[in-house]
Structure formats: C-alpha cells, structure tokens
PDB file of N, CA and C in Angstrom:
ATOM      1  N   MET A   1      -7.360 -18.577   0.446  1.00  0.00           N
ATOM      2  CA  MET A   1      -6.736 -17.304  -0.219  1.00  0.00           C
ATOM      3  C   MET A   1      -5.376 -16.937   0.549  1.00  0.00           C
ATOM      4  N   TYR A   2      -4.569 -16.611  -0.087  1.00  0.00           N
ATOM      5  CA  TYR A   2      -3.520 -16.059   0.620  1.00  0.00           C
ATOM      6  C   TYR A   2      -3.275 -15.185   1.537  1.00  0.00           C
ATOM      7  N   ALA A   3      -4.324 -14.054   1.117  1.00  0.00           N
ATOM      8  CA  ALA A   3      -4.333 -12.889   2.144  1.00  0.00           C
ATOM      9  C   ALA A   3      -5.548 -13.102   3.182  1.00  0.00           C
ATOM     10  N   LYS A   4      -5.744 -14.080   3.438  1.00  0.00           N
ATOM     11  CA  LYS A   4      -7.093 -14.467   4.596  1.00  0.00           C
ATOM     12  C   LYS A   4      -6.495 -13.733   5.844  1.00  0.00           C
ATOM     13  N   PRO A   5      -5.690 -14.091   6.554  1.00  0.00           N
ATOM     14  CA  PRO A   5      -4.887 -13.578   7.550  1.00  0.00           C
ATOM     15  C   PRO A   5      -5.216 -11.952   7.884  1.00  0.00           C
ATOM     16  N   TYR A   6      -5.110 -11.379   6.907  1.00  0.00           N
ATOM     17  CA  TYR A   6      -4.741 -10.025   6.590  1.00  0.00           C
ATOM     18  C   TYR A   6      -6.299  -9.168   6.468  1.00  0.00           C
ATOM     19  N   LEU A   7      -7.053  -9.686   5.755  1.00  0.00           N
ATOM     20  CA  LEU A   7      -8.449  -9.316   5.256  1.00  0.00           C
ATOM     21  C   LEU A   7      -9.270  -8.934   6.529  1.00  0.00           C
ATOM     22  N   ASP A   8      -9.854  -7.826   6.053  1.00  0.00           N
ATOM     23  CA  ASP A   8     -10.671  -7.152   7.281  1.00  0.00           C
ATOM     24  C   ASP A   8     -10.098  -6.566   8.392  1.00  0.00           C
ATOM     25  N   LYS A   9      -8.447  -6.793   8.299  1.00  0.00           N
ATOM     26  CA  LYS A   9      -7.575  -6.008   9.488  1.00  0.00           C
ATOM     27  C   LYS A   9      -6.985  -4.802   9.067  1.00  0.00           C
ATOM     28  N   PHE A  10      -6.161  -5.170   7.778  1.00  0.00           N
ATOM     29  CA  PHE A  10      -5.599  -3.758   7.111  1.00  0.00           C
ATOM     30  C   PHE A  10      -5.311  -4.145   5.659  1.00  0.00           C
ATOM     31  N   MET A  11      -6.100  -4.821   5.080  1.00  0.00           N
ATOM     32  CA  MET A  11      -5.700  -5.196   3.751  1.00  0.00           C
ATOM     33  C   MET A  11      -7.062  -5.423   2.966  1.00  0.00           C
ATOM     34  N   ILE A  12      -7.335  -4.726   1.925  1.00  0.00           N
ATOM     35  CA  ILE A  12      -8.566  -4.768   0.787  1.00  0.00           C
ATOM     36  C   ILE A  12      -7.998  -5.284  -0.361  1.00  0.00           C
ATOM     37  N   VAL A  13      -8.565  -6.570  -1.093  1.00  0.00           N
ATOM     38  CA  VAL A  13      -7.832  -6.871  -2.406  1.00  0.00           C
ATOM     39  C   VAL A  13      -9.221  -6.814  -3.130  1.00  0.00           C
ATOM     40  N   PHE A  14      -8.988  -6.350  -4.543  1.00  0.00           N
ATOM     41  CA  PHE A  14      -9.974  -6.434  -5.427  1.00  0.00           C
ATOM     42  C   PHE A  14      -9.381  -6.811  -6.734  1.00  0.00           C
ATOM     43  N   ILE A  15      -9.311  -7.817  -7.190  1.00  0.00           N
ATOM     44  CA  ILE A  15      -8.712  -8.604  -8.519  1.00  0.00           C
ATOM     45  C   ILE A  15      -7.353  -8.590  -8.246  1.00  0.00           C
ATOM     46  N   ASP A  16      -6.766  -7.529  -8.636  1.00  0.00           N
ATOM     47  CA  ASP A  16      -5.017  -7.488  -8.534  1.00  0.00           C
ATOM     48  C   ASP A  16      -4.780  -6.167  -7.943  1.00  0.00           C
ATOM     49  N   ASP A  17      -5.549  -5.294  -7.439  1.00  0.00           N
ATOM     50  CA  ASP A  17      -5.275  -4.185  -6.701  1.00  0.00           C
ATOM     51  C   ASP A  17      -5.397  -4.861  -4.980  1.00  0.00           C
ATOM     52  N   ILE A  18      -4.293  -4.138  -4.316  1.00  0.00           N
ATOM     53  CA  ILE A  18      -4.449  -4.503  -2.915  1.00  0.00           C
ATOM     54  C   ILE A  18      -4.082  -2.939  -2.509  1.00  0.00           C
ATOM     55  N   LEU A  19      -4.902  -2.817  -1.366  1.00  0.00           N
ATOM     56  CA  LEU A  19      -4.881  -1.475  -0.413  1.00  0.00           C
ATOM     57  C   LEU A  19      -4.818  -1.935   1.064  1.00  0.00           C
ATOM     58  N   ILE A  20      -3.544  -1.420   1.553  1.00  0.00           N
ATOM     59  CA  ILE A  20      -3.138  -1.579   2.813  1.00  0.00           C
ATOM     60  C   ILE A  20      -3.178  -0.043   3.578  1.00  0.00           C
ATOM     61  N   HIS A  21      -4.189  -0.298   4.801  1.00  0.00           N
ATOM     62  CA  HIS A  21      -4.498   1.014   5.730  1.00  0.00           C
ATOM     63  C   HIS A  21      -4.061   0.468   6.721  1.00  0.00           C
ATOM     64  N   SER A  22      -3.682   1.740   7.480  1.00  0.00           N
ATOM     65  CA  SER A  22      -3.339   1.715   8.870  1.00  0.00           C
ATOM     66  C   SER A  22      -3.647   2.679   9.528  1.00  0.00           C
ATOM     67  N   LYS A  23      -3.576   2.726  11.243  1.00  0.00           N
ATOM     68  CA  LYS A  23      -4.047   3.687  11.994  1.00  0.00           C
ATOM     69  C   LYS A  23      -3.106   4.684  12.201  1.00  0.00           C
ATOM     70  N   ASP A  24      -1.654   4.361  12.266  1.00  0.00           N
ATOM     71  CA  ASP A  24      -0.619   5.194  12.836  1.00  0.00           C
ATOM     72  C   ASP A  24       0.591   4.656  11.904  1.00  0.00           C
ATOM     73  N   LYS A  25       1.509   5.438  12.164  1.00  0.00           N
ATOM     74  CA  LYS A  25       2.898   5.391  11.458  1.00  0.00           C
ATOM     75  C   LYS A  25       3.265   4.029  11.650  1.00  0.00           C
ATOM     76  N   LYS A  26       3.517   3.633  13.193  1.00  0.00           N
ATOM     77  CA  LYS A  26       4.120   2.339  13.448  1.00  0.00           C
ATOM     78  C   LYS A  26       3.273   1.053  12.655  1.00  0.00           C
ATOM     79  N   GLU A  27       2.091   1.437  12.712  1.00  0.00           N
ATOM     80  CA  GLU A  27       0.933   0.158  12.019  1.00  0.00           C
ATOM     81  C   GLU A  27       1.577   0.160  10.392  1.00  0.00           C
ATOM     82  N   HIS A  28       2.046   1.571  10.074  1.00  0.00           N
ATOM     83  CA  HIS A  28       2.200   1.298   8.417  1.00  0.00           C
ATOM     84  C   HIS A  28       3.228   1.133   8.061  1.00  0.00           C
ATOM     85  N   GLU A  29       4.428   0.979   9.287  1.00  0.00           N
ATOM     86  CA  GLU A  29       5.657   0.298   8.809  1.00  0.00           C
ATOM     87  C   GLU A  29       5.843  -0.898   8.886  1.00  0.00           C
ATOM     88  N   GLU A  30       5.094  -1.578   9.658  1.00  0.00           N
ATOM     89  CA  GLU A  30       4.644  -3.036   9.836  1.00  0.00           C
ATOM     90  C   GLU A  30       3.533  -3.826   8.552  1.00  0.00           C
ATOM     91  N   HIS A  31       2.699  -3.107   8.383  1.00  0.00           N
ATOM     92  CA  HIS A  31       1.685  -3.557   7.314  1.00  0.00           C
ATOM     93  C   HIS A  31       2.263  -4.147   6.152  1.00  0.00           C
ATOM     94  N   PRO A  32       2.818  -3.113   5.383  1.00  0.00           N
ATOM     95  CA  PRO A  32       3.268  -3.429   4.117  1.00  0.00           C
ATOM     96  C   PRO A  32       4.420  -4.391   3.837  1.00  0.00           C
ATOM     97  N   LYS A  33       5.257  -4.416   5.374  1.00  0.00           N
ATOM     98  CA  LYS A  33       6.282  -5.232   5.208  1.00  0.00           C
ATOM     99  C   LYS A  33       5.393  -6.668   5.426  1.00  0.00           C
ATOM    100  N   ALA A  34       4.609  -7.020   6.003  1.00  0.00           N
ATOM    101  CA  ALA A  34       4.058  -8.150   6.035  1.00  0.00           C
ATOM    102  C   ALA A  34       3.431  -9.060   4.827  1.00  0.00           C
ATOM    103  N   ILE A  35       2.693  -7.577   4.219  1.00  0.00           N
ATOM    104  CA  ILE A  35       2.047  -7.961   2.877  1.00  0.00           C
ATOM    105  C   ILE A  35       3.126  -8.547   2.071  1.00  0.00           C
ATOM    106  N   LEU A  36       4.373  -7.791   1.799  1.00  0.00           N
ATOM    107  CA  LEU A  36       5.306  -8.065   0.752  1.00  0.00           C
ATOM    108  C   LEU A  36       5.976  -9.373   0.996  1.00  0.00           C
ATOM    109  N   GLU A  37       6.042  -9.752   2.301  1.00  0.00           N
ATOM    110  CA  GLU A  37       6.705 -11.014   3.039  1.00  0.00           C
ATOM    111  C   GLU A  37       5.764 -12.188   2.223  1.00  0.00           C
ATOM    112  N   LEU A  38       4.464 -11.938   2.516  1.00  0.00           N
ATOM    113  CA  LEU A  38       3.318 -12.837   2.146  1.00  0.00           C
ATOM    114  C   LEU A  38       3.263 -12.993   0.744  1.00  0.00           C
ATOM    115  N   LEU A  39       3.365 -11.898  -0.248  1.00  0.00           N
ATOM    116  CA  LEU A  39       3.710 -11.860  -1.674  1.00  0.00           C
ATOM    117  C   LEU A  39       4.646 -13.070  -1.848  1.00  0.00           C
ATOM    118  N   LYS A  40       5.912 -12.664  -1.540  1.00  0.00           N
ATOM    119  CA  LYS A  40       6.954 -13.430  -1.695  1.00  0.00           C
ATOM    120  C   LYS A  40       7.008 -14.890  -1.286  1.00  0.00           C
ATOM    121  N   LYS A  41       6.346 -15.275  -0.258  1.00  0.00           N
ATOM    122  CA  LYS A  41       6.411 -16.545   0.076  1.00  0.00           C
ATOM    123  C   LYS A  41       5.306 -17.212  -0.966  1.00  0.00           C
ATOM    124  N   GLU A  42       4.180 -16.434  -1.328  1.00  0.00           N
ATOM    125  CA  GLU A  42       3.295 -17.152  -2.266  1.00  0.00           C
ATOM    126  C   GLU A  42       3.744 -16.771  -3.611  1.00  0.00           C
ATOM    127  N   GLU A  43       4.948 -16.399  -4.006  1.00  0.00           N
ATOM    128  CA  GLU A  43       5.298 -16.267  -5.292  1.00  0.00           C
ATOM    129  C   GLU A  43       4.703 -15.453  -6.135  1.00  0.00           C
ATOM    130  N   LEU A  44       3.985 -14.279  -5.640  1.00  0.00           N
ATOM    131  CA  LEU A  44       3.100 -13.330  -6.302  1.00  0.00           C
ATOM    132  C   LEU A  44       4.146 -12.217  -6.317  1.00  0.00           C
ATOM    133  N   TYR A  45       4.166 -11.320  -7.578  1.00  0.00           N
ATOM    134  CA  TYR A  45       4.719 -10.535  -7.734  1.00  0.00           C
ATOM    135  C   TYR A  45       4.068  -9.322  -8.167  1.00  0.00           C
ATOM    136  N   ALA A  46       4.665  -7.876  -7.779  1.00  0.00           N
ATOM    137  CA  ALA A  46       3.980  -6.796  -8.027  1.00  0.00           C
ATOM    138  C   ALA A  46       5.179  -5.678  -8.717  1.00  0.00           C
ATOM    139  N   LYS A  47       4.879  -4.986  -9.672  1.00  0.00           N
ATOM    140  CA  LYS A  47       5.953  -3.764 -10.197  1.00  0.00           C
ATOM    141  C   LYS A  47       5.990  -2.753  -8.851  1.00  0.00           C
ATOM    142  N   PHE A  48       7.313  -2.676  -8.517  1.00  0.00           N
ATOM    143  CA  PHE A  48       7.464  -1.757  -7.253  1.00  0.00           C
ATOM    144  C   PHE A  48       6.960  -0.247  -7.816  1.00  0.00           C
ATOM    145  N   SER A  49       6.986   0.011  -9.152  1.00  0.00           N
ATOM    146  CA  SER A  49       6.564   1.303  -9.561  1.00  0.00           C
ATOM    147  C   SER A  49       5.123   1.718  -9.342  1.00  0.00           C
ATOM    148  N   ASN A  50       4.514   0.549  -9.168  1.00  0.00           N
ATOM    149  CA  ASN A  50       2.967   0.667  -8.622  1.00  0.00           C
ATOM    150  C   ASN A  50       2.835   0.987  -7.520  1.00  0.00           C
ATOM    151  N   TYR A  51       3.695   0.981  -6.557  1.00  0.00           N
ATOM    152  CA  TYR A  51       3.503   1.080  -5.022  1.00  0.00           C
ATOM    153  C   TYR A  51       3.679   2.397  -4.723  1.00  0.00           C
ATOM    154  N   LYS A  52       2.650   2.723  -4.007  1.00  0.00           N
ATOM    155  CA  LYS A  52       2.560   4.212  -3.330  1.00  0.00           C
ATOM    156  C   LYS A  52       2.297   4.163  -1.888  1.00  0.00           C
ATOM    157  N   PHE A  53       3.194   4.926  -1.053  1.00  0.00           N
ATOM    158  CA  PHE A  53       3.389   4.597   0.398  1.00  0.00           C
ATOM    159  C   PHE A  53       3.071   6.245   0.911  1.00  0.00           C
ATOM    160  N   TRP A  54       2.744   6.027   2.268  1.00  0.00           N
ATOM    161  CA  TRP A  54       2.438   7.028   3.066  1.00  0.00           C
ATOM    162  C   TRP A  54       1.417   8.084   2.501  1.00  0.00           C
ATOM    163  N   ILE A  55       0.283   7.486   2.002  1.00  0.00           N
ATOM    164  CA  ILE A  55      -0.771   8.408   0.844  1.00  0.00           C
ATOM    165  C   ILE A  55      -1.687   8.582   2.130  1.00  0.00           C
ATOM    166  N   LEU A  56      -2.011   9.849   2.242  1.00  0.00           N
ATOM    167  CA  LEU A  56      -3.217  10.410   3.368  1.00  0.00           C
ATOM    168  C   LEU A  56      -4.527  10.218   2.663  1.00  0.00           C
ATOM    169  N   LYS A  57      -4.607  10.218   1.188  1.00  0.00           N
ATOM    170  CA  LYS A  57      -5.814  10.243   0.712  1.00  0.00           C
ATOM    171  C   LYS A  57      -5.952   9.288  -0.450  1.00  0.00           C
ATOM    172  N   VAL A  58      -6.618   8.299  -0.608  1.00  0.00           N
ATOM    173  CA  VAL A  58      -6.701   7.513  -1.849  1.00  0.00           C
ATOM    174  C   VAL A  58      -7.865   7.017  -2.396  1.00  0.00           C
ATOM    175  N   GLN A  59      -7.996   7.121  -3.949  1.00  0.00           N
ATOM    176  CA  GLN A  59      -9.170   6.471  -4.718  1.00  0.00           C
ATOM    177  C   GLN A  59      -9.036   5.222  -5.214  1.00  0.00           C
ATOM    178  N   PHE A  60     -10.106   4.637  -4.580  1.00  0.00           N
ATOM    179  CA  PHE A  60     -10.016   3.204  -4.644  1.00  0.00           C
ATOM    180  C   PHE A  60     -11.390   2.690  -4.829  1.00  0.00           C
ATOM    181  N   LEU A  61     -11.593   2.067  -6.079  1.00  0.00           N
ATOM    182  CA  LEU A  61     -12.967   1.266  -6.483  1.00  0.00           C
ATOM    183  C   LEU A  61     -14.278   2.403  -6.302  1.00  0.00           C
ATOM    184  N   ALA A  62     -13.923   3.918  -6.968  1.00  0.00           N
ATOM    185  CA  ALA A  62     -14.685   4.640  -6.926  1.00  0.00           C
ATOM    186  C   ALA A  62     -15.129   5.119  -5.635  1.00  0.00           C
ATOM    187  N   HIS A  63     -14.257   5.045  -4.635  1.00  0.00           N
ATOM    188  CA  HIS A  63     -14.512   5.705  -3.311  1.00  0.00           C
ATOM    189  C   HIS A  63     -13.085   6.576  -3.054  1.00  0.00           C
ATOM    190  N   VAL A  64     -13.196   7.579  -2.026  1.00  0.00           N
ATOM    191  CA  VAL A  64     -12.161   8.144  -1.546  1.00  0.00           C
ATOM    192  C   VAL A  64     -11.959   7.962   0.094  1.00  0.00           C
ATOM    193  N   ILE A  65     -10.953   7.542  -0.043  1.00  0.00           N
ATOM    194  CA  ILE A  65     -10.345   6.853   1.800  1.00  0.00           C
ATOM    195  C   ILE A  65      -9.491   7.747   2.121  1.00  0.00           C
ATOM    196  N   ASN A  66      -9.920   8.279   3.239  1.00  0.00           N
ATOM    197  CA  ASN A  66      -8.921   9.260   4.109  1.00  0.00           C
ATOM    198  C   ASN A  66      -9.199   9.122   5.358  1.00  0.00           C
ATOM    199  N   ASN A  67      -8.403  10.085   6.265  1.00  0.00           N
ATOM    200  CA  ASN A  67      -8.473   9.826   7.704  1.00  0.00           C
ATOM    201  C   ASN A  67      -9.901   9.826   8.328  1.00  0.00           C
ATOM    202  N   GLN A  68     -10.705  10.226   7.701  1.00  0.00           N
ATOM    203  CA  GLN A  68     -12.145  10.516   7.965  1.00  0.00           C
ATOM    204  C   GLN A  68     -13.173   9.570   7.523  1.00  0.00           C
ATOM    205  N   GLY A  69     -12.776   8.415   7.015  1.00  0.00           N
ATOM    206  CA  GLY A  69     -13.444   7.368   6.567  1.00  0.00           C
ATOM    207  C   GLY A  69     -13.591   7.187   5.127  1.00  0.00           C
ATOM    208  N   ILE A  70     -14.474   6.259   4.687  1.00  0.00           N
ATOM    209  CA  ILE A  70     -14.847   5.922   3.172  1.00  0.00           C
ATOM    210  C   ILE A  70     -15.782   6.585   2.839  1.00  0.00           C
ATOM    211  N   HIS A  71     -15.595   7.175   1.466  1.00  0.00           N
ATOM    212  CA  HIS A  71     -16.895   8.044   1.083  1.00  0.00           C
ATOM    213  C   HIS A  71     -16.791   7.814  -0.612  1.00  0.00           C
ATOM    214  N   VAL A  72     -17.832   7.938  -1.135  1.00  0.00           N
ATOM    215  CA  VAL A  72     -18.104   7.863  -2.461  1.00  0.00           C
ATOM    216  C   VAL A  72     -17.424   9.037  -3.135  1.00  0.00           C
ATOM    217  N   ASP A  73     -16.733   8.835  -4.178  1.00  0.00           N
ATOM    218  CA  ASP A  73     -15.614   9.456  -4.827  1.00  0.00           C
ATOM    219  C   ASP A  73     -17.036  10.703  -5.547  1.00  0.00           C
ATOM    220  N   PRO A  74     -16.732  12.040  -4.856  1.00  0.00           N
ATOM    221  CA  PRO A  74     -17.577  13.056  -5.450  1.00  0.00           C
ATOM    222  C   PRO A  74     -17.788  13.495  -6.820  1.00  0.00           C
ATOM    223  N   GLY A  75     -16.749  12.792  -7.667  1.00  0.00           N
ATOM    224  CA  GLY A  75     -16.754  12.989  -9.216  1.00  0.00           C
ATOM    225  C   GLY A  75     -17.973  12.179  -9.781  1.00  0.00           C
ATOM    226  N   LYS A  76     -18.066  10.904  -8.759  1.00  0.00           N
ATOM    227  CA  LYS A  76     -19.454   9.860  -9.283  1.00  0.00           C
ATOM    228  C   LYS A  76     -20.449  10.515  -9.046  1.00  0.00           C
ATOM    229  N   ILE A  77     -20.599  11.292  -7.930  1.00  0.00           N
ATOM    230  CA  ILE A  77     -21.584  11.850  -7.583  1.00  0.00           C
ATOM    231  C   ILE A  77     -22.102  12.828  -8.792  1.00  0.00           C
ATOM    232  N   GLU A  78     -21.217  13.600  -9.075  1.00  0.00           N
ATOM    233  CA  GLU A  78     -21.467  14.682  -9.782  1.00  0.00           C
ATOM    234  C   GLU A  78     -21.886  14.080 -11.574  1.00  0.00           C
ATOM    235  N   SER A  79     -21.430  12.935 -11.740  1.00  0.00           N
ATOM    236  CA  SER A  79     -21.861  12.053 -13.036  1.00  0.00           C
ATOM    237  C   SER A  79     -23.353  11.658 -12.859  1.00  0.00           C
ATOM    238  N   VAL A  80     -23.779  11.137 -11.957  1.00  0.00           N
ATOM    239  CA  VAL A  80     -24.872  10.854 -11.609  1.00  0.00           C
ATOM    240  C   VAL A  80     -25.792  11.904 -11.535  1.00  0.00           C
ATOM    241  N   LYS A  81     -25.372  13.257 -11.023  1.00  0.00           N
ATOM    242  CA  LYS A  81     -26.351  14.433 -10.835  1.00  0.00           C
ATOM    243  C   LYS A  81     -26.662  14.595 -12.285  1.00  0.00           C
ATOM    244  N   ASP A  82     -25.506  14.601 -13.081  1.00  0.00           N
ATOM    245  CA  ASP A  82     -25.573  15.286 -14.658  1.00  0.00           C
ATOM    246  C   ASP A  82     -26.693  14.328 -15.360  1.00  0.00           C
ATOM    247  N   LEU A  83     -26.929  13.252 -14.795  1.00  0.00           N
ATOM    248  CA  LEU A  83     -27.848  12.586 -15.847  1.00  0.00           C
ATOM    249  C   LEU A  83     -29.207  13.073 -15.843  1.00  0.00           C
ATOM    250  N   GLY A  84     -29.442  13.621 -14.837  1.00  0.00           N
ATOM    251  CA  GLY A  84     -30.653  14.406 -14.686  1.00  0.00           C
ATOM    252  C   GLY A  84     -32.008  13.376 -14.448  1.00  0.00           C
ATOM    253  N   ILE A  85     -31.757  12.588 -13.887  1.00  0.00           N
ATOM    254  CA  ILE A  85     -32.688  11.276 -13.361  1.00  0.00           C
ATOM    255  C   ILE A  85     -33.075  11.822 -11.774  1.00  0.00           C
ATOM    256  N   SER A  86     -34.589  11.948 -12.078  1.00  0.00           N
ATOM    257  CA  SER A  86     -35.061  12.434 -10.757  1.00  0.00           C
ATOM    258  C   SER A  86     -35.998  11.396 -10.115  1.00  0.00           C
TER     259      SER A  86
END
C-alpha cells in the first residue's frame, strides 16, 4: 500500500479519505508536504478544494478528533439515546 510508511504515525486512511494529524506546528508543516509528495509519486490526485489545513477539531468516521483525543461524535450518542433502547 502506498501509505504504509505513514500509517499509524500521522496518517489515517479510510477508502478515499485521508486524515493527517500532527503534534505541533512544525510537524504539521512537514506531514502534509510528505503526503502530497507521496500522492504525486503514486499518481494519485485529490481536489485541492477538499483540503482543510490547520483544523483544531475535525469530525471523521463518526468521531470527533481534537487536541484532547478521539471521542465518539456527541450527535451519534444522542441518536442512540433517542432510540429509547435500554
């Protein structure tokens, strides 16, 4: 797989979604550049309009990811509560 060197380090891939996470500003300047170079090398393309940079909180695969960790999306929890199953 093209992304293997970066998986579980700073990159999460699900089908055609890529999430790049970093601990600090310096890493977040390096990580996207490395991924974009890799995509170019593998002749894989993405629409630049779909890119989002410097996001402090993101929803990804029914989870919220922020500087405090990964959490289940609160909206999903409410949906389950609304089912009324006990």
